[in-house]
Every structure is written in C-alpha cells, then in structure tokens.
C-alpha cells in the first residue's frame, strides 16, 4: 500500500462517521443585526449621531455607530415586526419613521439644519431679523422641561419625534407640575388636574430653561414658554409669582429662539391673574399669553397674541376669529401683532383628522401660525394613534400653504369665495389677494 493510500485511510478512520462521533449542532441565533448607512448630503458620517429603534411593545434599543455604519442588534423574535426608527444629531434635521425589522441594509441621509435666527413681529406674521420668511409649525409639549431635567432619554425621543414630523416650535409649561397620565380620565377642574412636581424653583431649575432652549435651537426648533399655569394653585404667593416671572426672563434673556408669555388661560379660576400684574419686557420676544377657549386674548398684548379654540363647535375655521384680533373688528381694537392659535381641540374632540389639515392651512394664510394640541402632547409623550394621525395632518396642512400667501393681499371672504363654498359644499373658503389661486384656504365640514 502506498503512502498516499495509507493517509486517505487514516483520514477516513478519523472522520466523525467512522469514529461514531456526530458533528456538533450550533444553537439557533438569538439576535438579528439590522444595519443602516447614515450620512449627510456629502455622504460623510454624522458627528454626534444618536439613533434608537423601538420595536412595538418593547423598550428603545440604541445603535452602534462607527463611521457611517449604524447597527442595531435585536432579539431574533422581532424579525419582521414594526418599529420606530429615530435618528438625530445637533445641526441636522431629525428622522422619525416606521420601519420593519429586517437583516437588509438600508440608508438614511440627514439634512443639515441652517442656524435659526431671531424672530421679528411683522403685522400678521413673524419674519427673521434680516426680513426673510420663516415657516413656523407649533406643537404643545407641556412637560418637556420635566423630561429634560429628569429623563433625558425620553426627552430626546420626544424631541426627535416631534421635530421629525415637521414641527418647528414647541410650546412648554413653565410652572412645575405633573398632570394625569395619558389616556386616564380627564378632570376638567385644573386646580385638581395640576399638582406640584416637587422640583424647587432654584438656580438649577431656571438653568434648565436656558439649556433646553439651546438644545432645541441646535436641532432647528424654537421654544415657546407659557410662564403661569394654574398659578394660584401651584404658586399661591403673589411675591413668589413676581420673582418667578423675573427669573424666567433672566433665564432666557439673550437667546434668539425663545417666545415667552405671562401664562396659559389667565382667566381660569385657578389662575386669577392679569397681564397688568406683570410688566412685559421690551428686550425679549414676550407676549401676554392666552385666555380660555374662544375668549379674547388678554391685553395689553406685547409682541404677539395667543388665542385658544378648544371649545369651538367648528374649530377648523377658528383662525379667522383669531385674525380679527390682529385686524380689528367691531368692538375689538386691532393689535397689528402676530396671532398664534396655540391650543385647539384634541383629536378626541376634533373629529376627523382632515380637520387639522384644514385648520393649519387656514392658519398659515390668515395668522402667524398654529400649534397642534393633543392628549399625549400635554405630557410631551411620544405620539401614537389618533394623536399621531392628527399631528401629521396638521404639518401637511401648514406646509401646503405657500409662505408668500401671508402677504399676497387683503383678506377676502367675498362673493367669489361664497360661490366656491356653494359649488364645493365647503364650510368656508378664505383667500388673500385676488391673483394667486394657491392662496385660498378651503375648509371642509
């Protein structure tokens, strides 16, 4: 027998089949890797990228980001499940979108956010300091400061979702309070609904406002602060309220991206304060705030006014009523400052989501801008269900109205618009000017 044959026989004898040994069985995989390529418009890595993937019913999972490669490692059981992908970084627009867990690689490009600048009131709108147009789309996020101070991860998730949807102004409550949880039974009495959160009104508390404003600005968003919420319940001492108002001004002074007001619904039973109690600063973008639903804004007005339409039977057309405080009408002097429709009915009150589209489109035509309101917005919580559907409609409606329409001409609801209402079966039709067909807001029933 040759040497080569002896070697073959030896190898056969040592094989598992001949030795009685079986090949070890590898355990099934327990994880799935989901890769993304994430870069900027020049296909360069994103500095400071934060990325999370939240599979339905599970906690968010962070990615590992190396170069331009973002990798999520997930339980194998989640393969094929739906999930929320969130990508954010300072000076870049956020991404918040639905995806399906898969092994396949996909890519995302983050768009650089140009620095946002000082807002200047210009009759019925805000412009930038250089006179340039600016698109403002607001959302209520009442307890965002609380998340910033106590749960930075949930804060970032909310910020990225709201900005990823297209909102550019976040309205936040200054009074330290904790409301009920989303979805629980609503208590209409604000003196029971708002309770102190336990944080001291100290230097650290006021510093959070400055830090919050800077973080939002770095991500391309303005901060709208209403100072007093249920003031006589949460801060019954009048001297303490004066000190709080002064310190809130000091906290944001010098920041170009903050709108500050005296308070929310000042005529509520648990507020019982008026703007004459609090001097409006002239070196800040400051306003008086709001009164309750469908009630005239408190005056004197400051740099801008706020109007609420919460109780309106046809809220999708309330920006017309808000406009009248700017233009003036019988018994109402014209303020000639921007009007913000800062609260509207929540989705459980509004009805079909398309009403948010019509409302936001009309607001873009007639007033400065409007701010979306919903149940989960009150807690600065992640939006879902009807709250999320309404938010998407609101942004789409605002974006559908060209910015040029704010200055296209005088407001008109004359015979041409009345004929259009009858022809299309509309609730209302408004326009500015007579020449541009895109500057018409059609409002459905």
Protein backbone atom coordinates (compact mmCIF):
# COMPACT_ATOMS: atom_id res chain seq x y z
CA UNK A 1 0.00 0.00 0.00
CA UNK A 2 1.36 3.32 -0.97
CA UNK A 3 1.91 6.10 1.49
CA UNK A 4 -0.83 8.23 -0.04
CA UNK A 5 -3.39 5.46 0.36
CA UNK A 6 -2.43 4.97 4.00
CA UNK A 7 -3.05 8.70 4.56
CA UNK A 8 -6.50 8.51 2.96
CA UNK A 9 -7.47 5.50 5.12
CA UNK A 10 -6.27 7.30 8.25
CA UNK A 11 -8.36 10.38 7.45
CA UNK A 12 -11.44 8.22 6.82
CA UNK A 13 -10.93 6.44 10.11
CA UNK A 14 -10.71 9.70 11.95
CA UNK A 15 -13.88 11.15 10.37
CA UNK A 16 -16.99 11.52 12.65
CA UNK A 17 -18.94 8.99 10.58
CA UNK A 18 -16.35 6.27 11.16
CA UNK A 19 -15.46 7.19 14.71
CA UNK A 20 -19.05 7.23 15.91
CA UNK A 21 -18.87 10.97 16.67
CA UNK A 22 -21.55 13.34 15.31
CA UNK A 23 -20.91 16.86 14.07
CA UNK A 24 -21.87 19.35 16.83
CA UNK A 25 -25.12 21.22 16.21
CA UNK A 26 -24.84 25.01 16.51
CA UNK A 27 -27.54 26.69 18.62
CA UNK A 28 -30.05 28.77 16.65
CA UNK A 29 -29.27 32.51 16.50
CA UNK A 30 -30.83 34.58 19.26
CA UNK A 31 -30.30 38.03 17.68
CA UNK A 32 -30.73 39.75 14.35
CA UNK A 33 -28.47 42.56 13.14
CA UNK A 34 -30.22 45.44 11.36
CA UNK A 35 -27.71 47.76 9.60
CA UNK A 36 -28.18 51.28 8.27
CA UNK A 37 -25.86 53.60 6.42
CA UNK A 38 -26.38 57.09 7.89
CA UNK A 39 -24.59 60.08 6.41
CA UNK A 40 -25.03 63.72 5.42
CA UNK A 41 -25.71 65.11 1.95
CA UNK A 42 -21.99 64.79 1.12
CA UNK A 43 -22.00 61.12 2.20
CA UNK A 44 -19.94 61.87 5.28
CA UNK A 45 -20.55 60.47 8.79
CA UNK A 46 -22.81 62.48 11.11
CA UNK A 47 -20.98 63.80 14.20
CA UNK A 48 -22.88 63.22 17.44
CA UNK A 49 -25.49 60.92 15.88
CA UNK A 50 -27.98 59.42 18.33
CA UNK A 51 -30.01 56.54 16.94
CA UNK A 52 -32.67 54.34 18.52
CA UNK A 53 -35.04 51.67 17.29
CA UNK A 54 -38.16 50.93 19.32
CA UNK A 55 -39.83 47.69 18.33
CA UNK A 56 -43.55 47.70 19.07
CA UNK A 57 -44.27 46.98 22.78
CA UNK A 58 -40.54 46.94 23.63
CA UNK A 59 -38.02 49.39 25.06
CA UNK A 60 -35.90 51.51 22.66
CA UNK A 61 -32.58 49.99 21.59
CA UNK A 62 -29.60 52.26 20.82
CA UNK A 63 -27.38 51.67 17.81
CA UNK A 64 -23.63 51.31 17.48
CA UNK A 65 -22.44 53.99 15.06
CA UNK A 66 -18.99 53.59 13.53
CA UNK A 67 -18.01 55.66 10.53
CA UNK A 68 -21.29 55.90 8.64
CA UNK A 69 -22.48 52.48 9.79
CA UNK A 70 -25.35 52.33 12.33
CA UNK A 71 -26.09 48.82 13.59
CA UNK A 72 -28.93 47.65 15.81
CA UNK A 73 -28.79 44.25 17.49
CA UNK A 74 -32.28 42.95 18.27
CA UNK A 75 -33.86 39.72 19.53
CA UNK A 76 -34.41 37.28 16.67
CA UNK A 77 -38.09 37.05 17.62
CA UNK A 78 -38.59 40.66 16.45
CA UNK A 79 -37.66 39.88 12.83
CA UNK A 80 -40.50 41.19 10.64
CA UNK A 81 -42.00 43.33 13.41
CA UNK A 82 -42.84 47.02 13.05
CA UNK A 83 -40.59 49.55 14.81
CA UNK A 84 -39.96 53.29 15.16
CA UNK A 85 -36.57 54.45 13.88
CA UNK A 86 -35.24 57.71 15.31
CA UNK A 87 -32.07 59.48 14.15
CA UNK A 88 -30.89 62.85 15.45
CA UNK A 89 -27.80 65.00 15.75
CA UNK A 90 -27.11 68.66 16.55
CA UNK A 91 -27.47 70.92 13.49
CA UNK A 92 -29.27 68.20 11.50
CA UNK A 93 -32.94 67.53 10.89
CA UNK A 94 -34.28 64.59 12.88
CA UNK A 95 -35.71 61.43 11.31
CA UNK A 96 -38.59 59.59 12.96
CA UNK A 97 -40.25 56.94 10.82
CA UNK A 98 -41.82 53.49 10.81
CA UNK A 99 -39.68 50.59 9.62
CA UNK A 100 -39.83 46.78 9.63
CA UNK A 101 -37.11 44.78 11.40
CA UNK A 102 -35.00 43.12 8.72
CA UNK A 103 -31.45 41.96 8.06
CA UNK A 104 -31.29 44.01 4.85
CA UNK A 105 -29.17 47.16 4.87
CA UNK A 106 -30.79 50.48 4.05
CA UNK A 107 -29.61 54.08 4.07
CA UNK A 108 -30.69 57.41 5.52
CA UNK A 109 -29.44 60.92 4.75
CA UNK A 110 -29.76 63.61 7.41
CA UNK A 111 -30.21 67.17 6.19
CA UNK A 112 -28.20 69.95 7.78
CA UNK A 113 -30.37 72.48 9.62
CA UNK A 114 -29.40 76.09 8.91
CA UNK A 115 -28.99 78.14 12.08
CA UNK A 116 -32.33 79.59 13.16
CA UNK A 117 -32.48 83.25 13.99
CA UNK A 118 -34.28 85.96 15.90
CA UNK A 119 -37.99 86.30 15.12
CA UNK A 120 -39.32 89.79 14.49
CA UNK A 121 -43.06 90.65 14.56
CA UNK A 122 -44.28 91.99 11.21
CA UNK A 123 -48.02 92.66 11.41
CA UNK A 124 -49.75 89.27 10.86
CA UNK A 125 -46.57 87.15 10.79
CA UNK A 126 -43.05 86.70 12.09
CA UNK A 127 -40.01 87.24 9.90
CA UNK A 128 -36.33 86.74 10.52
CA UNK A 129 -34.15 89.63 11.61
CA UNK A 130 -32.91 90.04 8.03
CA UNK A 131 -36.51 90.23 6.78
CA UNK A 132 -36.53 86.69 5.41
CA UNK A 133 -39.57 84.42 5.57
CA UNK A 134 -39.74 81.67 8.18
CA UNK A 135 -42.04 78.64 8.42
CA UNK A 136 -43.34 78.12 11.97
CA UNK A 137 -45.37 75.00 12.80
CA UNK A 138 -46.09 74.55 16.51
CA UNK A 139 -46.98 71.72 18.85
CA UNK A 140 -47.84 71.65 22.54
CA UNK A 141 -45.29 69.77 24.64
CA UNK A 142 -46.28 70.96 28.09
CA UNK A 143 -43.99 68.83 30.26
CA UNK A 144 -40.93 68.80 28.04
CA UNK A 145 -38.81 70.66 30.62
CA UNK A 146 -39.63 67.99 33.18
CA UNK A 147 -38.38 65.30 30.79
CA UNK A 148 -35.25 67.32 30.07
CA UNK A 149 -34.40 67.55 33.76
CA UNK A 150 -35.37 64.06 34.90
CA UNK A 151 -35.33 61.68 31.92
CA UNK A 152 -33.01 62.85 29.16
CA UNK A 153 -33.59 59.70 27.09
CA UNK A 154 -37.37 60.15 26.92
CA UNK A 155 -36.83 63.87 26.29
CA UNK A 156 -34.66 63.11 23.26
CA UNK A 157 -37.17 60.58 21.95
CA UNK A 158 -39.99 63.13 22.15
CA UNK A 159 -37.91 65.93 20.66
CA UNK A 160 -36.80 63.79 17.75
CA UNK A 161 -40.30 62.53 17.00
CA UNK A 162 -41.90 65.98 17.11
CA UNK A 163 -39.18 67.62 15.01
CA UNK A 164 -39.06 64.61 12.69
CA UNK A 165 -42.76 65.10 11.99
CA UNK A 166 -42.01 68.67 10.87
CA UNK A 167 -42.81 70.83 13.91
CA UNK A 168 -40.53 73.82 14.44
CA UNK A 169 -41.96 75.43 17.62
CA UNK A 170 -42.53 73.55 20.91
CA UNK A 171 -44.86 75.13 23.50
CA UNK A 172 -43.87 74.23 27.07
CA UNK A 173 -45.34 74.97 30.52
CA UNK A 174 -43.10 76.87 32.91
CA UNK A 175 -44.95 76.07 36.13
CA UNK A 176 -43.54 72.88 37.60
CA UNK A 177 -46.48 70.47 37.53
CA UNK A 178 -47.43 66.90 36.77
CA UNK A 179 -50.79 66.24 35.18
CA UNK A 180 -52.62 62.94 34.90
CA UNK A 181 -51.18 60.18 32.72
CA UNK A 182 -52.14 59.99 29.04
CA UNK A 183 -55.41 58.19 28.49
CA UNK A 184 -56.67 58.48 32.07
CA UNK A 185 -59.98 60.10 32.97
CA UNK A 186 -59.84 63.82 32.31
CA UNK A 187 -60.55 66.10 35.26
CA UNK A 188 -61.97 69.39 33.95
CA UNK A 189 -61.03 71.22 37.16
CA UNK A 190 -57.46 72.48 36.61
CA UNK A 191 -56.97 73.05 40.36
CA UNK A 192 -57.19 69.26 40.76
CA UNK A 193 -55.57 68.40 37.44
CA UNK A 194 -52.33 70.30 38.05
CA UNK A 195 -50.24 69.25 41.03
CA UNK A 196 -46.76 70.44 42.07
CA UNK A 197 -43.99 68.20 40.75
CA UNK A 198 -41.69 68.64 43.73
CA UNK A 199 -38.81 70.43 41.98
CA UNK A 200 -37.52 73.50 43.79
CA UNK A 201 -37.61 76.83 41.97
CA UNK A 202 -33.87 77.26 42.40
CA UNK A 203 -30.89 78.16 40.22
CA UNK A 204 -30.76 74.66 38.73
CA UNK A 205 -34.43 74.85 37.76
CA UNK A 206 -34.05 78.12 35.86
CA UNK A 207 -30.83 76.90 34.23
CA UNK A 208 -32.79 74.03 32.66
CA UNK A 209 -34.78 76.54 30.60
CA UNK A 210 -31.68 78.04 29.05
CA UNK A 211 -30.19 74.62 28.37
CA UNK A 212 -33.48 73.36 26.90
CA UNK A 213 -33.76 76.35 24.57
CA UNK A 214 -30.18 75.87 23.37
CA UNK A 215 -30.71 72.18 22.69
CA UNK A 216 -33.90 72.79 20.70
CA UNK A 217 -32.19 75.57 18.73
CA UNK A 218 -29.33 73.21 17.90
CA UNK A 219 -31.93 70.90 16.37
CA UNK A 220 -33.67 73.68 14.45
CA UNK A 221 -36.61 74.49 16.75
CA UNK A 222 -37.95 77.48 18.69
CA UNK A 223 -39.12 77.27 22.32
CA UNK A 224 -42.46 78.87 23.28
CA UNK A 225 -42.79 79.19 27.07
CA UNK A 226 -46.03 80.00 28.91
CA UNK A 227 -44.93 81.07 32.39
CA UNK A 228 -48.01 80.69 34.62
CA UNK A 229 -50.29 77.64 34.61
CA UNK A 230 -52.82 77.43 37.40
CA UNK A 231 -50.70 79.95 39.29
CA UNK A 232 -52.86 80.39 42.40
CA UNK A 233 -52.75 76.61 42.98
CA UNK A 234 -49.10 75.94 42.13
CA UNK A 235 -47.66 79.25 43.38
CA UNK A 236 -50.20 80.97 45.67
CA UNK A 237 -47.83 83.64 46.99
CA UNK A 238 -48.01 86.81 44.87
CA UNK A 239 -44.42 87.77 45.69
CA UNK A 240 -43.19 84.35 44.58
CA UNK A 241 -45.04 84.81 41.28
CA UNK A 242 -43.32 88.14 40.65
CA UNK A 243 -39.95 86.54 41.40
CA UNK A 244 -40.73 83.61 39.09
CA UNK A 245 -41.65 85.95 36.22
CA UNK A 246 -38.44 87.94 36.71
CA UNK A 247 -36.24 84.84 36.87
CA UNK A 248 -37.84 83.29 33.79
CA UNK A 249 -36.94 86.45 31.86
CA UNK A 250 -33.39 86.31 33.17
CA UNK A 251 -33.13 82.62 32.22
CA UNK A 252 -33.80 83.19 28.52
CA UNK A 253 -32.52 86.73 28.02
CA UNK A 254 -30.14 86.94 25.08
CA UNK A 255 -31.50 83.80 23.39
CA UNK A 256 -32.88 84.49 19.93
CA UNK A 257 -35.08 81.40 19.72
CA UNK A 258 -37.48 81.86 22.67
CA UNK A 259 -41.04 83.21 22.77
CA UNK A 260 -42.07 84.00 26.37
CA UNK A 261 -45.57 84.75 27.68
CA UNK A 262 -47.10 85.61 31.04
CA UNK A 263 -49.23 82.50 31.04
CA UNK A 264 -51.76 79.99 29.82
CA UNK A 265 -55.50 80.81 30.08
CA UNK A 266 -55.06 83.59 32.61
CA UNK A 267 -58.80 83.90 33.23
CA UNK A 268 -59.11 80.31 34.50
CA UNK A 269 -60.35 80.02 38.08
CA UNK A 270 -57.00 78.64 39.26
CA UNK A 271 -55.01 81.46 37.67
CA UNK A 272 -56.90 84.65 38.52
CA UNK A 273 -54.05 86.83 37.33
CA UNK A 274 -53.95 89.57 34.72
CA UNK A 275 -51.25 90.93 32.50
CA UNK A 276 -51.38 94.24 34.34
CA UNK A 277 -49.88 92.35 37.30
CA UNK A 278 -46.72 91.60 35.31
CA UNK A 279 -44.67 94.11 33.34
CA UNK A 280 -43.86 92.84 29.84
CA UNK A 281 -40.16 93.12 28.98
CA UNK A 282 -39.21 95.07 25.88
CA UNK A 283 -35.88 93.30 25.34
CA UNK A 284 -37.44 89.85 24.84
CA UNK A 285 -39.95 88.41 22.37
CA UNK A 286 -42.69 88.43 25.00
CA UNK A 287 -46.50 88.39 24.97
CA UNK A 288 -49.37 88.39 27.42
CA UNK A 289 -50.41 84.77 26.79
CA UNK A 290 -53.93 83.41 26.41
CA UNK A 291 -57.37 83.30 27.97
CA UNK A 292 -59.70 80.32 27.89
CA UNK A 293 -61.22 78.76 24.78
CA UNK A 294 -62.77 81.24 22.30
CA UNK A 295 -62.24 84.17 24.68
CA UNK A 296 -60.35 87.28 23.56
CA UNK A 297 -56.62 87.26 24.34
CA UNK A 298 -55.53 89.21 27.42
CA UNK A 299 -54.43 92.75 26.75
CA UNK A 300 -52.15 94.71 26.64
CA UNK A 301 -50.71 92.23 24.15
CA UNK A 302 -46.94 92.65 23.93
CA UNK A 303 -45.01 91.44 20.86
CA UNK A 304 -47.67 88.87 19.87
CA UNK A 305 -51.03 87.45 20.98
CA UNK A 306 -52.36 83.94 21.67
CA UNK A 307 -55.84 82.60 21.03
CA UNK A 308 -57.43 79.25 22.04
CA UNK A 309 -60.19 77.49 20.10
CA UNK A 310 -60.67 74.49 22.42
CA UNK A 311 -64.44 74.84 22.84
CA UNK A 312 -65.29 75.89 19.27
CA UNK A 313 -68.07 73.95 17.50
CA UNK A 314 -66.25 74.39 14.15
CA UNK A 315 -62.59 74.66 15.24
CA UNK A 316 -61.15 74.17 11.75
CA UNK A 317 -62.19 77.75 10.86
CA UNK A 318 -61.16 79.47 14.11
CA UNK A 319 -58.03 81.04 12.66
CA UNK A 320 -60.42 83.53 11.05
CA UNK A 321 -61.62 84.60 14.51
CA UNK A 322 -58.01 84.77 15.71
CA UNK A 323 -57.16 87.00 12.74
CA UNK A 324 -59.72 89.57 13.85
CA UNK A 325 -57.64 90.48 16.90
CA UNK A 326 -54.83 91.47 14.56
CA UNK A 327 -57.03 93.28 12.02
CA UNK A 328 -59.63 94.61 14.42
CA UNK A 329 -63.39 94.35 14.09
CA UNK A 330 -66.45 95.79 15.80
CA UNK A 331 -65.60 96.31 19.47
CA UNK A 332 -62.08 94.85 19.07
CA UNK A 333 -59.14 97.23 18.53
CA UNK A 334 -56.56 95.98 16.02
CA UNK A 335 -53.32 94.87 17.68
CA UNK A 336 -51.33 94.61 14.40
CA UNK A 337 -49.10 91.98 16.00
CA UNK A 338 -48.79 88.27 15.08
CA UNK A 339 -51.51 85.96 16.41
CA UNK A 340 -50.71 82.38 17.46
CA UNK A 341 -53.54 79.86 17.65
CA UNK A 342 -51.81 78.00 20.47
CA UNK A 343 -54.45 75.47 21.51
CA UNK A 344 -57.22 73.73 19.62
CA UNK A 345 -59.44 70.73 20.39
CA UNK A 346 -57.67 67.40 20.91
CA UNK A 347 -58.31 64.55 18.44
CA UNK A 348 -60.95 63.01 20.71
CA UNK A 349 -62.82 66.34 20.42
CA UNK A 350 -61.94 67.44 16.89
CA UNK A 351 -63.34 64.56 14.86
CA UNK A 352 -61.83 63.51 11.50
CA UNK A 353 -58.10 64.15 11.20
CA UNK A 354 -58.54 66.13 7.97
CA UNK A 355 -59.89 68.99 10.09
CA UNK A 356 -56.33 69.51 11.38
CA UNK A 357 -55.13 69.85 7.79
CA UNK A 358 -57.76 72.49 7.01
CA UNK A 359 -57.18 74.32 10.30
CA UNK A 360 -53.39 74.51 9.87
CA UNK A 361 -53.65 75.54 6.21
CA UNK A 362 -56.05 78.36 7.08
CA UNK A 363 -53.81 79.48 9.96
CA UNK A 364 -50.84 79.71 7.60
CA UNK A 365 -52.89 82.01 5.40
CA UNK A 366 -54.59 84.22 8.00
CA UNK A 367 -52.37 84.42 11.11
CA UNK A 368 -48.77 83.85 12.22
CA UNK A 369 -49.07 80.10 12.88
CA UNK A 370 -50.94 77.47 14.90
CA UNK A 371 -49.84 74.90 17.48
CA UNK A 372 -51.16 71.34 17.44
CA UNK A 373 -52.78 70.12 20.66
CA UNK A 374 -53.45 66.53 21.74
CA UNK A 375 -53.70 64.30 24.78
CA UNK A 376 -50.14 62.98 24.64
CA UNK A 377 -48.81 66.44 23.75
CA UNK A 378 -49.72 67.58 27.25
CA UNK A 379 -47.11 65.22 28.69
CA UNK A 380 -44.57 65.67 25.89
CA UNK A 381 -45.04 61.94 25.30
CA UNK A 382 -44.44 60.02 22.08
CA UNK A 383 -47.43 60.36 19.78
CA UNK A 384 -49.43 57.36 18.60
CA UNK A 385 -52.87 56.52 17.26
CA UNK A 386 -55.19 59.47 16.66
CA UNK A 387 -52.72 61.89 18.28
CA UNK A 388 -50.09 60.92 15.70
CA UNK A 389 -52.53 60.99 12.78
CA UNK A 390 -53.70 64.49 13.74
CA UNK A 391 -50.11 65.71 14.03
CA UNK A 392 -49.27 64.50 10.53
CA UNK A 393 -52.35 66.20 9.09
CA UNK A 394 -51.50 69.44 10.92
CA UNK A 395 -47.98 69.57 9.49
CA UNK A 396 -49.17 68.65 5.99
CA UNK A 397 -51.82 71.36 6.09
CA UNK A 398 -49.35 74.03 7.20
CA UNK A 399 -46.81 73.05 4.54
CA UNK A 400 -49.47 73.10 1.82
CA UNK A 401 -49.89 76.89 2.06
CA UNK A 402 -47.09 78.85 0.34
CA UNK A 403 -45.36 81.33 2.64
CA UNK A 404 -45.87 84.11 0.11
CA UNK A 405 -49.62 83.95 0.74
CA UNK A 406 -49.35 85.70 4.12
CA UNK A 407 -48.56 88.89 2.23
CA UNK A 408 -50.43 88.20 -1.03
CA UNK A 409 -53.03 90.86 -0.29
CA UNK A 410 -56.02 91.73 1.86
CA UNK A 411 -58.18 89.03 3.45
CA UNK A 412 -61.21 88.22 1.32
CA UNK A 413 -64.43 86.30 2.00
CA UNK A 414 -66.50 87.94 -0.68
CA UNK A 415 -68.82 86.69 -3.38
CA UNK A 416 -66.20 84.63 -5.20
CA UNK A 417 -65.45 82.70 -2.01
CA UNK A 418 -69.15 82.31 -1.20
CA UNK A 419 -69.72 80.86 -4.68
CA UNK A 420 -66.81 78.45 -4.15
CA UNK A 421 -68.33 77.31 -0.84
CA UNK A 422 -71.65 76.53 -2.53
CA UNK A 423 -70.01 74.85 -5.51
CA UNK A 424 -67.83 72.52 -3.43
CA UNK A 425 -70.05 72.19 -0.36
CA UNK A 426 -67.42 73.77 1.88
CA UNK A 427 -67.83 75.13 5.38
CA UNK A 428 -65.74 78.19 4.49
CA UNK A 429 -63.30 79.44 1.87
CA UNK A 430 -60.87 82.29 2.56
CA UNK A 431 -58.20 83.93 0.45
CA UNK A 432 -55.63 86.70 0.47
CA UNK A 433 -55.38 88.85 -2.63
CA UNK A 434 -57.17 88.25 -5.89
CA UNK A 435 -54.46 86.93 -8.19
CA UNK A 436 -52.88 83.81 -6.69
CA UNK A 437 -55.12 80.69 -6.78
CA UNK A 438 -52.83 78.91 -4.30
CA UNK A 439 -53.61 81.48 -1.61
CA UNK A 440 -57.07 80.04 -0.89
CA UNK A 441 -57.90 78.01 2.22
CA UNK A 442 -60.81 75.62 1.66
CA UNK A 443 -62.32 74.38 4.90
CA UNK A 444 -64.46 71.25 4.91
CA UNK A 445 -67.33 70.44 7.25
